[in-house]
Amino acid sequence: MKTISEIRKEGIHALTKTLGPVDMARFIQSYETGTGDYTKERHEWLPDNLNDVKDSLIERQKKRKD
């Protein structure tokens, strides 16, 4: 089994070979690690009740059919 270091090295090499060094760097930069704490923050934007989500989706489908 390859180490993460080996996989990264081979990945960078493959990207460089395919995209060229400039576009490889741009591709790598397009990935962000993100910030914040998903576990804590998800309660702020996810509904508490999954039935509400289901009902909302059903209502949206009905509106599309009309």
Protein backbone atom coordinates (compact mmCIF):
# COMPACT_ATOMS: atom_id res chain seq x y z
CA MET A 1 0.00 0.00 0.00
CA LYS A 2 1.29 3.46 -0.92
CA THR A 3 1.78 6.14 1.66
CA ILE A 4 -0.18 9.40 1.47
CA SER A 5 3.08 11.14 0.58
CA GLU A 6 3.63 8.81 -2.38
CA ILE A 7 0.04 9.24 -3.56
CA ARG A 8 0.33 13.02 -3.37
CA LYS A 9 3.62 12.99 -5.24
CA GLU A 10 2.19 10.81 -8.02
CA GLY A 11 -0.97 12.93 -8.14
CA ILE A 12 0.97 16.16 -8.53
CA HIS A 13 3.08 14.54 -11.23
CA ALA A 14 -0.02 13.31 -13.11
CA LEU A 15 -1.73 16.69 -12.85
CA THR A 16 1.40 18.50 -14.00
CA LYS A 17 1.82 16.13 -16.94
CA THR A 18 -1.84 16.53 -17.97
CA LEU A 19 -2.51 20.19 -17.15
CA GLY A 20 0.93 21.77 -17.14
CA PRO A 21 2.47 23.39 -14.08
CA VAL A 22 0.39 26.58 -14.11
CA ASP A 23 -3.00 24.90 -14.46
CA MET A 24 -1.96 22.22 -11.98
CA ALA A 25 -1.30 24.95 -9.42
CA ARG A 26 -4.63 26.63 -10.23
CA PHE A 27 -6.41 23.28 -9.83
CA ILE A 28 -4.81 22.68 -6.44
CA GLN A 29 -5.71 26.21 -5.32
CA SER A 30 -9.35 25.65 -6.26
CA TYR A 31 -9.73 23.31 -3.28
CA GLU A 32 -10.41 24.94 0.05
CA THR A 33 -10.30 23.22 3.39
CA GLY A 34 -13.12 25.41 4.68
CA THR A 35 -13.58 26.94 8.07
CA GLY A 36 -15.88 26.55 11.00
CA ASP A 37 -17.31 23.59 12.85
CA TYR A 38 -19.87 21.72 10.73
CA THR A 39 -21.07 19.64 13.67
CA LYS A 40 -22.01 22.72 15.67
CA GLU A 41 -23.15 24.94 12.81
CA ARG A 42 -25.35 22.44 10.97
CA HIS A 43 -28.05 22.95 13.56
CA GLU A 44 -28.30 26.56 12.44
CA TRP A 45 -29.22 25.72 8.85
CA LEU A 46 -30.60 22.18 8.97
CA PRO A 47 -34.21 21.79 10.06
CA ASP A 48 -34.86 20.03 13.35
CA ASN A 49 -37.63 17.90 11.92
CA LEU A 50 -37.04 15.72 8.86
CA ASN A 51 -40.78 15.49 8.29
CA ASP A 52 -40.71 19.24 7.57
CA VAL A 53 -38.09 18.60 4.88
CA LYS A 54 -40.18 15.81 3.37
CA ASP A 55 -43.33 17.94 3.39
CA SER A 56 -41.47 20.83 1.79
CA LEU A 57 -40.13 18.61 -1.01
CA ILE A 58 -43.58 17.14 -1.68
CA GLU A 59 -45.05 20.64 -1.84
CA ARG A 60 -42.37 21.76 -4.31
CA GLN A 61 -43.08 18.75 -6.53
CA LYS A 62 -46.80 19.55 -6.51
CA LYS A 63 -46.11 23.15 -7.53
CA ARG A 64 -43.90 22.02 -10.42
CA LYS A 65 -46.63 19.76 -11.76
CA ASP A 66 -49.16 22.61 -11.77
